[in-house]
Amino acid sequence: MAESKISEIEGIGPVLFERSRRAKHLNIYVKPFRGVRVAVPYRLSFQKAEKMVHSRLSWIRKQLVKMARIKQKHDFLLQESARVNRSQARRKLILRLNELAETYGFTYNRVFIRNQQTRWGSCSSKNNISLNLKLVLLPTELMDYVILHELVHTRQKNHSKDFWSELNALVGDAKRMSSRLKEYGLVLL
């Protein structure tokens, strides 16, 4: 059985259907620069997946229009991401992490700077912080938001009410910052 398939769908263009071991349900993703991708669970045939996509054409078209605006607005970011100097990004991020940790009284174990494809950062149970090197392309307040988000995880290991309360005390409206960050994620991740 094929693991992926591209279908040309009228009014949408090429749609990539990919088998996914992790998908429990059919998931449709529309991203700028990448187009439409459908994660298909193993229990579902490509034929049924394509029928389901046809039932969501209106939503997909709206998303494509939205992604075209985002693509136009942030096209320069994609070009810049190809030119990120790893060692400079590493220095900048570690320096800022240390400044924010000291300012707000956080401690962490180790730091890793990686070129991640799906997340801006993470904090392990051992308080190791991993940051995406593309953070240096974000506006300073969003870069700080991600770093502080991970530092708060050194104290609050989940996204509980206490977590958001502590993060809000540091950055103001954390949920608004998170929404702003999502738009950049569509382009850079």
C-alpha atoms as a PDB file:
ATOM      1  CA  MET A   1       0.000   0.000   0.000  1.00  0.00           C
ATOM      2  CA  ALA A   2       1.352   3.441  -0.957  1.00  0.00           C
ATOM      3  CA  GLU A   3       2.429   5.674   1.909  1.00  0.00           C
ATOM      4  CA  SER A   4       1.558   8.906   0.109  1.00  0.00           C
ATOM      5  CA  LYS A   5      -0.369  10.135  -2.883  1.00  0.00           C
ATOM      6  CA  ILE A   6      -0.849  13.508  -4.596  1.00  0.00           C
ATOM      7  CA  SER A   7      -4.289  14.256  -6.017  1.00  0.00           C
ATOM      8  CA  GLU A   8      -5.192  17.249  -8.128  1.00  0.00           C
ATOM      9  CA  ILE A   9      -8.429  18.649  -6.710  1.00  0.00           C
ATOM     10  CA  GLU A  10     -10.324  21.193  -8.784  1.00  0.00           C
ATOM     11  CA  GLY A  11     -10.300  24.659  -7.245  1.00  0.00           C
ATOM     12  CA  ILE A  12      -7.605  23.648  -4.735  1.00  0.00           C
ATOM     13  CA  GLY A  13      -4.686  22.283  -6.739  1.00  0.00           C
ATOM     14  CA  PRO A  14      -2.383  19.464  -5.654  1.00  0.00           C
ATOM     15  CA  VAL A  15      -3.199  17.864  -2.294  1.00  0.00           C
ATOM     16  CA  LEU A  16      -0.691  15.584  -0.574  1.00  0.00           C
ATOM     17  CA  PHE A  17      -2.253  12.596   1.188  1.00  0.00           C
ATOM     18  CA  GLU A  18       0.179  10.902   3.602  1.00  0.00           C
ATOM     19  CA  ARG A  19      -0.255   7.839   5.782  1.00  0.00           C
ATOM     20  CA  SER A  20       0.301   8.652   9.438  1.00  0.00           C
ATOM     21  CA  ARG A  21       0.814   6.207  12.292  1.00  0.00           C
ATOM     22  CA  ARG A  22       0.064   8.996  14.767  1.00  0.00           C
ATOM     23  CA  ALA A  23      -3.173  10.252  13.198  1.00  0.00           C
ATOM     24  CA  LYS A  24      -6.283   8.894  14.887  1.00  0.00           C
ATOM     25  CA  HIS A  25      -8.530  10.965  12.611  1.00  0.00           C
ATOM     26  CA  LEU A  26      -8.125  12.507   9.186  1.00  0.00           C
ATOM     27  CA  ASN A  27      -6.252  15.816   9.628  1.00  0.00           C
ATOM     28  CA  ILE A  28      -6.111  18.530   6.978  1.00  0.00           C
ATOM     29  CA  TYR A  29      -3.266  21.057   7.136  1.00  0.00           C
ATOM     30  CA  VAL A  30      -3.026  24.170   5.002  1.00  0.00           C
ATOM     31  CA  LYS A  31       0.278  26.024   5.296  1.00  0.00           C
ATOM     32  CA  PRO A  32       1.881  28.827   3.337  1.00  0.00           C
ATOM     33  CA  PHE A  33       4.687  27.662   1.017  1.00  0.00           C
ATOM     34  CA  ARG A  34       3.603  24.030   1.554  1.00  0.00           C
ATOM     35  CA  GLY A  35       0.003  23.884   0.352  1.00  0.00           C
ATOM     36  CA  VAL A  36      -2.560  21.318   1.462  1.00  0.00           C
ATOM     37  CA  ARG A  37      -1.467  18.161   3.298  1.00  0.00           C
ATOM     38  CA  VAL A  38      -3.771  15.460   4.624  1.00  0.00           C
ATOM     39  CA  ALA A  39      -2.645  13.050   7.364  1.00  0.00           C
ATOM     40  CA  VAL A  40      -4.509   9.800   6.751  1.00  0.00           C
ATOM     41  CA  PRO A  41      -4.836   7.184   9.507  1.00  0.00           C
ATOM     42  CA  TYR A  42      -4.006   3.610   8.441  1.00  0.00           C
ATOM     43  CA  ARG A  43      -7.596   2.424   8.953  1.00  0.00           C
ATOM     44  CA  LEU A  44      -8.866   4.892   6.295  1.00  0.00           C
ATOM     45  CA  SER A  45      -8.438   4.392   2.535  1.00  0.00           C
ATOM     46  CA  PHE A  46      -7.062   7.184   0.359  1.00  0.00           C
ATOM     47  CA  GLN A  47     -10.363   7.085  -1.572  1.00  0.00           C
ATOM     48  CA  LYS A  48     -12.397   7.782   1.588  1.00  0.00           C
ATOM     49  CA  ALA A  49      -9.883  10.434   2.657  1.00  0.00           C
ATOM     50  CA  GLU A  50     -10.301  12.185  -0.686  1.00  0.00           C
ATOM     51  CA  LYS A  51     -14.114  12.130  -0.283  1.00  0.00           C
ATOM     52  CA  MET A  52     -13.742  13.715   3.154  1.00  0.00           C
ATOM     53  CA  VAL A  53     -11.486  16.407   1.707  1.00  0.00           C
ATOM     54  CA  HIS A  54     -14.138  17.172  -0.945  1.00  0.00           C
ATOM     55  CA  SER A  55     -16.643  17.711   1.882  1.00  0.00           C
ATOM     56  CA  ARG A  56     -14.299  20.342   3.375  1.00  0.00           C
ATOM     57  CA  LEU A  57     -13.512  22.278   0.167  1.00  0.00           C
ATOM     58  CA  SER A  58     -15.141  25.485   1.404  1.00  0.00           C
ATOM     59  CA  TRP A  59     -12.989  25.501   4.563  1.00  0.00           C
ATOM     60  CA  ILE A  60      -9.833  24.620   2.581  1.00  0.00           C
ATOM     61  CA  ARG A  61     -10.431  27.496   0.132  1.00  0.00           C
ATOM     62  CA  LYS A  62     -10.805  29.965   3.030  1.00  0.00           C
ATOM     63  CA  GLN A  63      -7.568  28.652   4.538  1.00  0.00           C
ATOM     64  CA  LEU A  64      -5.740  28.988   1.212  1.00  0.00           C
ATOM     65  CA  VAL A  65      -6.803  32.650   0.966  1.00  0.00           C
ATOM     66  CA  LYS A  66      -5.639  33.236   4.552  1.00  0.00           C
ATOM     67  CA  MET A  67      -2.314  31.462   3.862  1.00  0.00           C
ATOM     68  CA  ALA A  68      -1.760  33.535   0.709  1.00  0.00           C
ATOM     69  CA  ARG A  69      -2.052  36.718   2.827  1.00  0.00           C
ATOM     70  CA  ILE A  70       0.346  35.326   5.423  1.00  0.00           C
ATOM     71  CA  LYS A  71       2.752  34.207   2.689  1.00  0.00           C
ATOM     72  CA  GLN A  72       2.755  37.677   1.145  1.00  0.00           C
ATOM     73  CA  LYS A  73       3.162  39.378   4.528  1.00  0.00           C
ATOM     74  CA  HIS A  74       6.016  37.156   5.738  1.00  0.00           C
ATOM     75  CA  ASP A  75       7.775  36.075   2.528  1.00  0.00           C
ATOM     76  CA  PHE A  76      10.964  37.824   3.674  1.00  0.00           C
ATOM     77  CA  LEU A  77      11.041  35.629   6.813  1.00  0.00           C
ATOM     78  CA  LEU A  78      11.368  32.456   4.798  1.00  0.00           C
ATOM     79  CA  GLN A  79      14.267  33.971   2.885  1.00  0.00           C
ATOM     80  CA  GLU A  80      15.877  35.093   6.151  1.00  0.00           C
ATOM     81  CA  SER A  81      15.436  31.669   7.752  1.00  0.00           C
ATOM     82  CA  ALA A  82      17.730  30.181   5.108  1.00  0.00           C
ATOM     83  CA  ARG A  83      20.437  32.679   6.127  1.00  0.00           C
ATOM     84  CA  VAL A  84      20.350  32.211   9.907  1.00  0.00           C
ATOM     85  CA  ASN A  85      23.885  31.877  11.244  1.00  0.00           C
ATOM     86  CA  ARG A  86      23.720  28.989  13.720  1.00  0.00           C
ATOM     87  CA  SER A  87      26.554  30.118  15.976  1.00  0.00           C
ATOM     88  CA  GLN A  88      25.297  33.723  16.163  1.00  0.00           C
ATOM     89  CA  ALA A  89      21.745  32.524  16.845  1.00  0.00           C
ATOM     90  CA  ARG A  90      23.045  30.174  19.549  1.00  0.00           C
ATOM     91  CA  ARG A  91      24.980  32.957  21.285  1.00  0.00           C
ATOM     92  CA  LYS A  92      22.049  35.371  21.126  1.00  0.00           C
ATOM     93  CA  LEU A  93      19.511  32.866  22.454  1.00  0.00           C
ATOM     94  CA  ILE A  94      21.693  31.603  25.297  1.00  0.00           C
ATOM     95  CA  LEU A  95      22.549  35.170  26.327  1.00  0.00           C
ATOM     96  CA  ARG A  96      18.852  36.140  26.365  1.00  0.00           C
ATOM     97  CA  LEU A  97      17.868  32.943  28.198  1.00  0.00           C
ATOM     98  CA  ASN A  98      20.438  33.686  30.907  1.00  0.00           C
ATOM     99  CA  GLU A  99      19.352  37.345  31.176  1.00  0.00           C
ATOM    100  CA  LEU A 100      15.679  36.438  31.571  1.00  0.00           C
ATOM    101  CA  ALA A 101      16.421  33.575  33.992  1.00  0.00           C
ATOM    102  CA  GLU A 102      18.497  35.869  36.187  1.00  0.00           C
ATOM    103  CA  THR A 103      16.028  38.772  36.023  1.00  0.00           C
ATOM    104  CA  TYR A 104      13.062  36.629  37.061  1.00  0.00           C
ATOM    105  CA  GLY A 105      14.810  34.138  39.353  1.00  0.00           C
ATOM    106  CA  PHE A 106      14.566  30.984  37.216  1.00  0.00           C
ATOM    107  CA  THR A 107      17.072  28.147  37.090  1.00  0.00           C
ATOM    108  CA  TYR A 108      17.422  25.483  34.426  1.00  0.00           C
ATOM    109  CA  ASN A 109      19.760  22.569  33.857  1.00  0.00           C
ATOM    110  CA  ARG A 110      21.047  22.535  30.268  1.00  0.00           C
ATOM    111  CA  VAL A 111      20.154  24.375  27.073  1.00  0.00           C
ATOM    112  CA  PHE A 112      19.996  23.039  23.531  1.00  0.00           C
ATOM    113  CA  ILE A 113      19.598  25.158  20.397  1.00  0.00           C
ATOM    114  CA  ARG A 114      18.117  23.189  17.521  1.00  0.00           C
ATOM    115  CA  ASN A 115      16.588  23.771  14.098  1.00  0.00           C
ATOM    116  CA  GLN A 116      13.229  22.228  14.979  1.00  0.00           C
ATOM    117  CA  GLN A 117      10.427  21.758  12.488  1.00  0.00           C
ATOM    118  CA  THR A 118       7.397  21.685  14.786  1.00  0.00           C
ATOM    119  CA  ARG A 119       8.049  23.690  17.941  1.00  0.00           C
ATOM    120  CA  TRP A 120       9.615  26.897  19.188  1.00  0.00           C
ATOM    121  CA  GLY A 121      10.889  25.397  22.410  1.00  0.00           C
ATOM    122  CA  SER A 122      10.446  22.801  25.097  1.00  0.00           C
ATOM    123  CA  CYS A 123      11.387  22.096  28.705  1.00  0.00           C
ATOM    124  CA  SER A 124      12.090  18.555  29.865  1.00  0.00           C
ATOM    125  CA  SER A 125      11.201  17.069  33.238  1.00  0.00           C
ATOM    126  CA  LYS A 126      14.882  17.576  34.178  1.00  0.00           C
ATOM    127  CA  ASN A 127      14.585  21.314  33.360  1.00  0.00           C
ATOM    128  CA  ASN A 128      16.626  21.049  30.170  1.00  0.00           C
ATOM    129  CA  ILE A 129      15.484  23.773  27.808  1.00  0.00           C
ATOM    130  CA  SER A 130      15.491  23.362  24.046  1.00  0.00           C
ATOM    131  CA  LEU A 131      15.053  26.457  21.854  1.00  0.00           C
ATOM    132  CA  ASN A 132      14.507  26.698  18.118  1.00  0.00           C
ATOM    133  CA  LEU A 133      17.280  28.689  16.432  1.00  0.00           C
ATOM    134  CA  LYS A 134      14.617  30.407  14.259  1.00  0.00           C
ATOM    135  CA  LEU A 135      13.519  32.331  17.372  1.00  0.00           C
ATOM    136  CA  VAL A 136      16.081  34.972  16.387  1.00  0.00           C
ATOM    137  CA  LEU A 137      13.860  35.841  13.396  1.00  0.00           C
ATOM    138  CA  LEU A 138      10.907  36.786  15.609  1.00  0.00           C
ATOM    139  CA  PRO A 139      10.187  40.217  17.055  1.00  0.00           C
ATOM    140  CA  THR A 140      12.004  40.520  20.403  1.00  0.00           C
ATOM    141  CA  GLU A 141       8.826  40.364  22.499  1.00  0.00           C
ATOM    142  CA  LEU A 142       7.832  37.042  20.896  1.00  0.00           C
ATOM    143  CA  MET A 143      11.319  35.584  21.293  1.00  0.00           C
ATOM    144  CA  ASP A 144      11.201  36.589  24.974  1.00  0.00           C
ATOM    145  CA  TYR A 145       7.694  35.144  25.276  1.00  0.00           C
ATOM    146  CA  VAL A 146       8.897  31.703  24.093  1.00  0.00           C
ATOM    147  CA  ILE A 147      11.937  31.772  26.381  1.00  0.00           C
ATOM    148  CA  LEU A 148       9.833  32.821  29.379  1.00  0.00           C
ATOM    149  CA  HIS A 149       7.233  30.186  28.470  1.00  0.00           C
ATOM    150  CA  GLU A 150       9.916  27.508  28.749  1.00  0.00           C
ATOM    151  CA  LEU A 151      11.384  29.015  31.925  1.00  0.00           C
ATOM    152  CA  VAL A 152       7.938  28.952  33.578  1.00  0.00           C
ATOM    153  CA  HIS A 153       7.833  25.233  32.717  1.00  0.00           C
ATOM    154  CA  THR A 154      10.796  24.749  35.055  1.00  0.00           C
ATOM    155  CA  ARG A 155       8.294  25.502  37.852  1.00  0.00           C
ATOM    156  CA  GLN A 156       4.956  24.516  36.296  1.00  0.00           C
ATOM    157  CA  LYS A 157       5.252  21.288  34.287  1.00  0.00           C
ATOM    158  CA  ASN A 158       1.952  21.652  32.430  1.00  0.00           C
ATOM    159  CA  HIS A 159      -0.325  24.309  30.962  1.00  0.00           C
ATOM    160  CA  SER A 160      -2.468  24.621  34.074  1.00  0.00           C
ATOM    161  CA  LYS A 161      -4.193  27.751  35.318  1.00  0.00           C
ATOM    162  CA  ASP A 162      -1.153  28.358  37.568  1.00  0.00           C
ATOM    163  CA  PHE A 163       1.170  28.135  34.558  1.00  0.00           C
ATOM    164  CA  TRP A 164      -0.779  30.758  32.570  1.00  0.00           C
ATOM    165  CA  SER A 165      -1.118  32.959  35.643  1.00  0.00           C
ATOM    166  CA  GLU A 166       2.650  32.969  36.205  1.00  0.00           C
ATOM    167  CA  LEU A 167       3.382  33.546  32.511  1.00  0.00           C
ATOM    168  CA  ASN A 168       0.817  36.381  32.350  1.00  0.00           C
ATOM    169  CA  ALA A 169       2.552  38.077  35.277  1.00  0.00           C
ATOM    170  CA  LEU A 170       5.749  38.126  33.190  1.00  0.00           C
ATOM    171  CA  VAL A 171       4.518  38.932  29.677  1.00  0.00           C
ATOM    172  CA  GLY A 172       1.091  40.504  30.066  1.00  0.00           C
ATOM    173  CA  ASP A 173      -1.479  38.801  27.843  1.00  0.00           C
ATOM    174  CA  ALA A 174       0.157  35.405  27.202  1.00  0.00           C
ATOM    175  CA  LYS A 175      -2.751  34.036  25.155  1.00  0.00           C
ATOM    176  CA  ARG A 176      -2.508  37.002  22.756  1.00  0.00           C
ATOM    177  CA  MET A 177       1.245  36.448  22.437  1.00  0.00           C
ATOM    178  CA  SER A 178       0.601  32.771  21.727  1.00  0.00           C
ATOM    179  CA  SER A 179      -1.825  33.719  18.923  1.00  0.00           C
ATOM    180  CA  ARG A 180       0.699  36.102  17.358  1.00  0.00           C
ATOM    181  CA  LEU A 181       3.332  33.376  17.534  1.00  0.00           C
ATOM    182  CA  LYS A 182       1.109  30.934  15.607  1.00  0.00           C
ATOM    183  CA  GLU A 183       1.212  33.123  12.498  1.00  0.00           C
ATOM    184  CA  TYR A 184       5.007  33.104  12.510  1.00  0.00           C
ATOM    185  CA  GLY A 185       4.935  29.360  13.082  1.00  0.00           C
ATOM    186  CA  LEU A 186       2.944  28.863   9.891  1.00  0.00           C
ATOM    187  CA  VAL A 187       5.795  30.424   7.935  1.00  0.00           C
ATOM    188  CA  LEU A 188       8.890  29.293   9.824  1.00  0.00           C
ATOM    189  CA  LEU A 189       8.061  25.861  11.252  1.00  0.00           C
END
